[in-house]
Every structure is written in C-alpha cells, then in structure tokens.
C-alpha cells in the first residue's frame, strides 16, 4: 500500500489517500512511458452504478496529473472532444458515465466520434479515462486497440465498495483486455481470462462532491436536450467537432495523407472538411 498526498483541487487543502502498491507501480510505468514517448494512455474504469467508478477515476487522475480537478471531468461527448483538442502534455481527462444513458443509436454515434478523435490525439502525451457501466458497451476498436488498462470495480453486495480487478497486457504477452472483450461480450462476463490482479481502493473522492454532482446534472441535461432525436443531434455536433479537429491538424502542418492514415477518412472527405465545404460528413 502507498500513501498519495496531494492538494485538494479548488481549495489547496492537503489531503492523502491510500493506493494499492500494484496499481501505484503500474501508473508510474505509464507516466514514464508518456513522458519519454509521443503517445497517450487510455484507461477504462467500469462496473455497476454505485460501485465507485468515479471515485477510483478521480484517484487515478490526480495521481497522474497534480493539476487535475473538476475542469477535467466531462459528461457529454461535445465537451469531451473539445477538451481533447485543447489538452496539453500531462493532462488527465476523465469522460464520466453520465452521458451513457441513451439509446443504442446515440451510443454508436458517440463511440464512432471518440474512436476517430483518439487517433488524432495519440501524440499529445495525455491520459484519458473513460468511466462506463461496462467495457462491452464501448466500440470494439476503442476497447481492443486503444484501451491500455481496464479497472473493473465490483462488490459482493450493494453496500460493498472499494474493490477492483485489473486487466492489461502483461509481461507474459497475454492481452487480457482483448481476450475479455471477445470472450465476455455476449453475456457481459468478466470471468475469462483471469484478471492480472485484484485490489482495494479508498473512499476519498478527491474533488468537491457536491460541485461534481451539480456539474454532472448540467452535463446530463445538456445531453438530454437533444430531444427524441438524440442520436442525430449528437452526431451533428460530434461531426462538427471532429471536422474542427481535422482543420486544426491541417493548419499545424499535418498532410492529407497523414490525417487519412489516422482517421480512416478518404482524401476527398478530408479536403472537403479543410476547405469548409461541408460541416457534416454524410459519408462517415
């Protein structure tokens, strides 16, 4: 067990919480890799509501990013994608589960936009945390190809909190996230393969919980304001944000070929976006 000491976001109050030694060691490995290479790390924290996903996510975030706070937690895809564009080296951004309460069509649109955005921020040297009900709800490419670490929170009862199991590609070469996704998706089963390790985490929430709940509700309301056509409204906003990201990359010197390789879009689509001929990509 390791004691992590930080300053409370917003107040500067010094506080401490315990962190399991296995997790602490693993986070240090990720941090070292981010600092020395042009890459970003993607973590998924999942589990039933009330089991402490956000609590654990906050603890991991402030361990990696001492400047972490409420301003780096996002509840809808539009705000999250904008934050990805503006993120600076060492930032840890958390996408909370509040927006994942929609229909399958809207969820599919969200996943598609996030997968494309993740490709474009790979070299930003940042940390991304997704708090979701289940990794099996995420896009296959995001779960298998981009997720570096899965922390699955669970409890033996409704009031038993503070436990999690960890899945990642270990030194044995076994990609446990990929195997879990392929083996367990049909029945949402976390039994195969066995996790890398099991740990406990503290109840320290890190950020102001009342303000968090307030901002979360605002995020939920913003997401729900799309009305009955949430999927279409969300796709339009997400495509616009994606297009803005592509324009920014082009201005920074990325070639059409490089953008094509990262996003999977055709050269014609990319050139249209850059020339501002379209705001919504009807072919994507």
Protein backbone atom coordinates (compact mmCIF):
# COMPACT_ATOMS: atom_id res chain seq x y z
CA UNK A 1 0.00 0.00 0.00
CA UNK A 2 1.19 3.52 -0.89
CA UNK A 3 0.01 6.84 0.57
CA UNK A 4 -0.64 9.51 -2.05
CA UNK A 5 -0.57 13.13 -0.84
CA UNK A 6 -1.99 15.91 -2.97
CA UNK A 7 -3.58 19.37 -2.75
CA UNK A 8 -7.35 19.45 -2.94
CA UNK A 9 -8.45 20.88 -6.33
CA UNK A 10 -10.04 24.29 -5.81
CA UNK A 11 -9.07 24.78 -2.15
CA UNK A 12 -5.39 23.86 -1.94
CA UNK A 13 -6.08 21.76 1.17
CA UNK A 14 -3.52 18.98 1.60
CA UNK A 15 -5.08 15.50 1.78
CA UNK A 16 -3.98 11.88 1.49
CA UNK A 17 -5.44 8.57 0.37
CA UNK A 18 -4.10 5.04 0.12
CA UNK A 19 -3.38 3.41 -3.21
CA UNK A 20 -2.65 -0.24 -3.77
CA UNK A 21 1.02 -0.89 -4.47
CA UNK A 22 0.33 -2.84 -7.67
CA UNK A 23 -1.73 0.00 -9.14
CA UNK A 24 0.74 2.65 -8.00
CA UNK A 25 3.62 0.81 -9.67
CA UNK A 26 1.62 0.40 -12.87
CA UNK A 27 0.65 4.08 -13.03
CA UNK A 28 4.32 5.04 -12.65
CA UNK A 29 5.16 2.83 -15.64
CA UNK A 30 2.51 4.59 -17.73
CA UNK A 31 3.69 8.01 -16.61
CA UNK A 32 7.28 7.23 -17.52
CA UNK A 33 6.21 5.99 -20.96
CA UNK A 34 4.12 9.11 -21.62
CA UNK A 35 6.93 11.44 -20.60
CA UNK A 36 9.52 9.73 -22.83
CA UNK A 37 7.49 8.86 -25.94
CA UNK A 38 4.98 10.54 -28.28
CA UNK A 39 1.96 8.61 -27.11
CA UNK A 40 -1.12 8.85 -24.89
CA UNK A 41 -2.59 6.35 -22.42
CA UNK A 42 -6.23 5.26 -22.36
CA UNK A 43 -7.80 3.74 -19.25
CA UNK A 44 -11.30 2.30 -18.86
CA UNK A 45 -12.97 2.08 -15.44
CA UNK A 46 -16.21 0.14 -15.48
CA UNK A 47 -18.70 -1.55 -13.18
CA UNK A 48 -22.23 -1.31 -11.85
CA UNK A 49 -23.51 2.11 -10.74
CA UNK A 50 -22.66 2.90 -7.14
CA UNK A 51 -19.53 0.76 -7.02
CA UNK A 52 -17.12 3.73 -7.08
CA UNK A 53 -16.01 4.19 -10.69
CA UNK A 54 -15.76 7.97 -10.41
CA UNK A 55 -14.07 7.74 -7.00
CA UNK A 56 -11.36 5.46 -8.37
CA UNK A 57 -11.13 7.52 -11.57
CA UNK A 58 -10.50 10.69 -9.56
CA UNK A 59 -7.77 8.99 -7.54
CA UNK A 60 -6.00 7.65 -10.63
CA UNK A 61 -6.34 11.05 -12.34
CA UNK A 62 -4.83 13.13 -9.55
CA UNK A 63 -2.03 10.58 -9.14
CA UNK A 64 -1.04 11.12 -12.77
CA UNK A 65 -1.91 14.82 -13.04
CA UNK A 66 -1.41 17.03 -9.99
CA UNK A 67 -3.39 19.80 -11.74
CA UNK A 68 -6.44 17.55 -12.09
CA UNK A 69 -9.80 18.92 -10.96
CA UNK A 70 -13.47 19.31 -11.85
CA UNK A 71 -12.49 21.23 -15.00
CA UNK A 72 -11.04 18.00 -16.40
CA UNK A 73 -14.18 15.86 -15.92
CA UNK A 74 -16.63 15.75 -18.84
CA UNK A 75 -20.18 14.40 -19.11
CA UNK A 76 -21.10 14.73 -22.78
CA UNK A 77 -19.20 13.96 -25.99
CA UNK A 78 -19.21 17.50 -27.36
CA UNK A 79 -17.36 18.96 -24.35
CA UNK A 80 -15.04 15.97 -24.16
CA UNK A 81 -14.00 16.22 -27.82
CA UNK A 82 -13.33 19.95 -27.45
CA UNK A 83 -11.18 19.23 -24.39
CA UNK A 84 -9.17 16.65 -26.34
CA UNK A 85 -8.36 19.30 -28.92
CA UNK A 86 -7.11 21.76 -26.27
CA UNK A 87 -5.37 19.25 -23.98
CA UNK A 88 -1.75 19.88 -23.04
CA UNK A 89 1.08 17.49 -22.21
CA UNK A 90 0.47 15.69 -18.92
CA UNK A 91 -3.26 16.42 -18.72
CA UNK A 92 -5.58 13.71 -17.44
CA UNK A 93 -9.14 14.00 -18.81
CA UNK A 94 -11.99 11.88 -17.50
CA UNK A 95 -15.14 11.16 -19.50
CA UNK A 96 -17.76 10.29 -16.89
CA UNK A 97 -20.59 7.82 -17.45
CA UNK A 98 -23.38 10.40 -17.15
CA UNK A 99 -23.91 10.62 -20.91
CA UNK A 100 -24.07 6.86 -21.44
CA UNK A 101 -27.81 6.69 -20.70
CA UNK A 102 -29.07 7.00 -24.25
CA UNK A 103 -30.34 4.72 -26.95
CA UNK A 104 -28.04 2.34 -28.80
CA UNK A 105 -28.07 4.60 -31.87
CA UNK A 106 -26.76 7.58 -29.93
CA UNK A 107 -24.18 5.43 -28.16
CA UNK A 108 -22.94 4.17 -31.52
CA UNK A 109 -22.51 7.73 -32.76
CA UNK A 110 -20.60 8.68 -29.63
CA UNK A 111 -18.26 5.72 -29.93
CA UNK A 112 -17.55 6.46 -33.59
CA UNK A 113 -16.57 10.07 -32.92
CA UNK A 114 -14.44 9.18 -29.91
CA UNK A 115 -12.53 6.47 -31.79
CA UNK A 116 -11.63 8.94 -34.55
CA UNK A 117 -10.69 11.65 -32.05
CA UNK A 118 -8.48 9.25 -30.09
CA UNK A 119 -6.48 8.54 -33.23
CA UNK A 120 -5.79 12.22 -33.72
CA UNK A 121 -4.53 12.92 -30.17
CA UNK A 122 -2.22 9.91 -29.90
CA UNK A 123 0.94 12.06 -29.80
CA UNK A 124 -0.37 14.61 -27.26
CA UNK A 125 1.17 12.83 -24.25
CA UNK A 126 -2.03 12.87 -22.20
CA UNK A 127 -4.10 10.43 -20.14
CA UNK A 128 -7.71 9.61 -20.98
CA UNK A 129 -10.06 7.85 -18.55
CA UNK A 130 -13.47 6.52 -19.57
CA UNK A 131 -15.91 5.74 -16.72
CA UNK A 132 -18.60 3.49 -18.19
CA UNK A 133 -21.03 0.86 -16.97
CA UNK A 134 -19.29 -1.83 -19.00
CA UNK A 135 -16.35 -2.04 -21.38
CA UNK A 136 -18.59 -4.23 -23.54
CA UNK A 137 -20.65 -1.12 -24.41
CA UNK A 138 -17.63 0.58 -25.97
CA UNK A 139 -16.74 0.42 -29.63
CA UNK A 140 -14.69 -2.67 -30.41
CA UNK A 141 -11.77 -0.65 -31.78
CA UNK A 142 -11.66 1.59 -28.74
CA UNK A 143 -11.84 -1.32 -26.29
CA UNK A 144 -9.36 -3.60 -28.05
CA UNK A 145 -7.00 -1.30 -29.94
CA UNK A 146 -6.81 1.81 -27.73
CA UNK A 147 -7.51 0.76 -24.12
CA UNK A 148 -4.25 0.22 -22.23
CA UNK A 149 -5.76 -0.60 -18.84
CA UNK A 150 -9.15 -1.78 -17.58
CA UNK A 151 -10.10 -1.37 -13.92
CA UNK A 152 -13.34 -3.21 -13.16
CA UNK A 153 -14.96 -2.10 -9.88
CA UNK A 154 -17.22 -4.58 -8.13
CA UNK A 155 -18.69 -5.54 -4.77
CA UNK A 156 -20.07 -8.59 -3.04
CA UNK A 157 -23.25 -6.67 -2.19
CA UNK A 158 -24.93 -3.33 -2.88
CA UNK A 159 -23.07 -1.71 0.02
CA UNK A 160 -19.73 -3.42 -0.54
CA UNK A 161 -17.49 -0.92 -2.33
CA UNK A 162 -13.79 -0.31 -2.80
CA UNK A 163 -12.74 -3.37 -4.81
CA UNK A 164 -11.46 -3.61 -8.36
CA UNK A 165 -9.78 -6.06 -10.72
CA UNK A 166 -7.20 -5.01 -13.28
CA UNK A 167 -6.82 -6.20 -16.88
CA UNK A 168 -3.96 -5.30 -19.23
CA UNK A 169 -1.30 -6.82 -21.47
CA UNK A 170 1.32 -8.10 -19.07
CA UNK A 171 4.87 -9.32 -19.45
CA UNK A 172 3.50 -12.76 -20.31
CA UNK A 173 2.29 -11.29 -23.63
CA UNK A 174 -1.38 -12.08 -22.97
CA UNK A 175 -3.67 -9.19 -23.95
CA UNK A 176 -6.30 -9.67 -21.25
CA UNK A 177 -8.45 -6.72 -22.34
CA UNK A 178 -8.78 -8.12 -25.85
CA UNK A 179 -9.50 -11.65 -24.61
CA UNK A 180 -12.04 -10.38 -22.08
CA UNK A 181 -13.87 -8.32 -24.69
CA UNK A 182 -14.04 -11.16 -27.21
CA UNK A 183 -14.91 -13.85 -24.68
CA UNK A 184 -17.28 -11.92 -22.46
CA UNK A 185 -19.21 -9.50 -24.66
CA UNK A 186 -22.15 -11.81 -25.38
CA UNK A 187 -23.04 -12.33 -21.71
CA UNK A 188 -21.14 -9.40 -20.17
CA UNK A 189 -18.98 -11.92 -18.35
CA UNK A 190 -15.72 -10.89 -16.65
CA UNK A 191 -14.60 -14.42 -15.80
CA UNK A 192 -12.31 -15.21 -18.75
CA UNK A 193 -9.44 -14.57 -18.72
CA UNK A 194 -8.46 -14.12 -15.10
CA UNK A 195 -7.51 -10.56 -14.22
CA UNK A 196 -3.89 -9.52 -13.71
CA UNK A 197 -4.55 -8.65 -10.07
CA UNK A 198 -7.28 -7.63 -7.60
CA UNK A 199 -7.01 -4.62 -5.29
CA UNK A 200 -8.89 -2.29 -2.99
CA UNK A 201 -9.25 1.50 -3.16
CA UNK A 202 -10.21 4.13 -0.61
CA UNK A 203 -13.41 6.19 -0.47
CA UNK A 204 -11.58 9.54 -0.90
CA UNK A 205 -13.49 11.40 -3.63
CA UNK A 206 -10.66 13.91 -4.29
CA UNK A 207 -12.82 16.71 -5.80
CA UNK A 208 -15.75 18.62 -4.26
CA UNK A 209 -18.52 16.01 -4.42
CA UNK A 210 -21.42 18.49 -4.23
CA UNK A 211 -19.99 20.57 -7.07
CA UNK A 212 -19.31 17.38 -9.02
CA UNK A 213 -22.96 16.31 -8.73
CA UNK A 214 -24.08 19.79 -9.78
CA UNK A 215 -21.87 19.79 -12.88
CA UNK A 216 -22.84 16.23 -13.69
CA UNK A 217 -26.53 17.16 -13.72
CA UNK A 218 -25.81 20.09 -16.02
CA UNK A 219 -23.96 17.69 -18.33
CA UNK A 220 -26.85 15.22 -18.30
CA UNK A 221 -29.36 17.97 -19.06
CA UNK A 222 -27.21 19.20 -21.93
CA UNK A 223 -27.05 15.71 -23.36
CA UNK A 224 -30.80 15.14 -22.98
CA UNK A 225 -31.65 18.49 -24.57
CA UNK A 226 -31.31 16.83 -27.97
CA UNK A 227 -34.90 15.62 -27.51
CA UNK A 228 -36.24 12.49 -29.19
CA UNK A 229 -33.69 12.69 -31.99
CA UNK A 230 -30.70 12.49 -29.65
CA UNK A 231 -28.70 10.31 -31.98
CA UNK A 232 -28.95 12.66 -34.96
CA UNK A 233 -28.38 15.81 -32.90
CA UNK A 234 -25.41 14.25 -31.19
CA UNK A 235 -23.90 13.04 -34.45
CA UNK A 236 -24.17 16.52 -35.96
CA UNK A 237 -22.36 18.12 -33.01
CA UNK A 238 -19.75 15.37 -32.92
CA UNK A 239 -19.06 15.55 -36.67
CA UNK A 240 -18.64 19.33 -36.42
CA UNK A 241 -16.16 18.92 -33.56
CA UNK A 242 -14.30 16.24 -35.49
CA UNK A 243 -14.09 18.47 -38.54
CA UNK A 244 -12.67 21.28 -36.43
CA UNK A 245 -10.00 18.91 -35.15
CA UNK A 246 -9.05 17.95 -38.69
CA UNK A 247 -8.81 21.60 -39.71
CA UNK A 248 -6.58 22.30 -36.72
CA UNK A 249 -4.29 19.40 -37.65
CA UNK A 250 -4.03 20.67 -41.23
CA UNK A 251 -3.10 24.15 -40.00
CA UNK A 252 -0.43 22.67 -37.74
CA UNK A 253 1.26 21.02 -40.74
CA UNK A 254 -0.30 17.58 -40.99
CA UNK A 255 -0.57 16.35 -44.58
CA UNK A 256 -3.79 14.95 -46.02
CA UNK A 257 -2.10 11.53 -46.21
CA UNK A 258 -1.20 11.57 -42.52
CA UNK A 259 -4.71 12.64 -41.49
CA UNK A 260 -6.12 9.91 -43.74
CA UNK A 261 -3.95 7.27 -42.05
CA UNK A 262 -5.00 8.39 -38.59
CA UNK A 263 -8.74 8.85 -39.18
CA UNK A 264 -9.62 6.36 -41.91
CA UNK A 265 -11.37 9.08 -43.93
CA UNK A 266 -10.77 9.42 -47.66
CA UNK A 267 -8.57 12.18 -49.09
CA UNK A 268 -11.65 13.70 -50.76
CA UNK A 269 -13.54 13.87 -47.45
CA UNK A 270 -10.56 15.45 -45.68
CA UNK A 271 -10.06 18.05 -48.39
CA UNK A 272 -13.74 18.98 -48.26
CA UNK A 273 -13.52 19.45 -44.49
CA UNK A 274 -10.38 21.57 -44.78
CA UNK A 275 -11.97 23.76 -47.48
CA UNK A 276 -15.06 24.22 -45.23
CA UNK A 277 -17.31 22.91 -47.98
CA UNK A 278 -19.18 20.72 -45.51
CA UNK A 279 -19.92 20.83 -41.81
CA UNK A 280 -21.40 17.35 -41.56
CA UNK A 281 -19.69 14.39 -43.20
CA UNK A 282 -22.55 12.35 -44.64
CA UNK A 283 -20.19 9.60 -45.77
CA UNK A 284 -18.56 8.83 -42.40
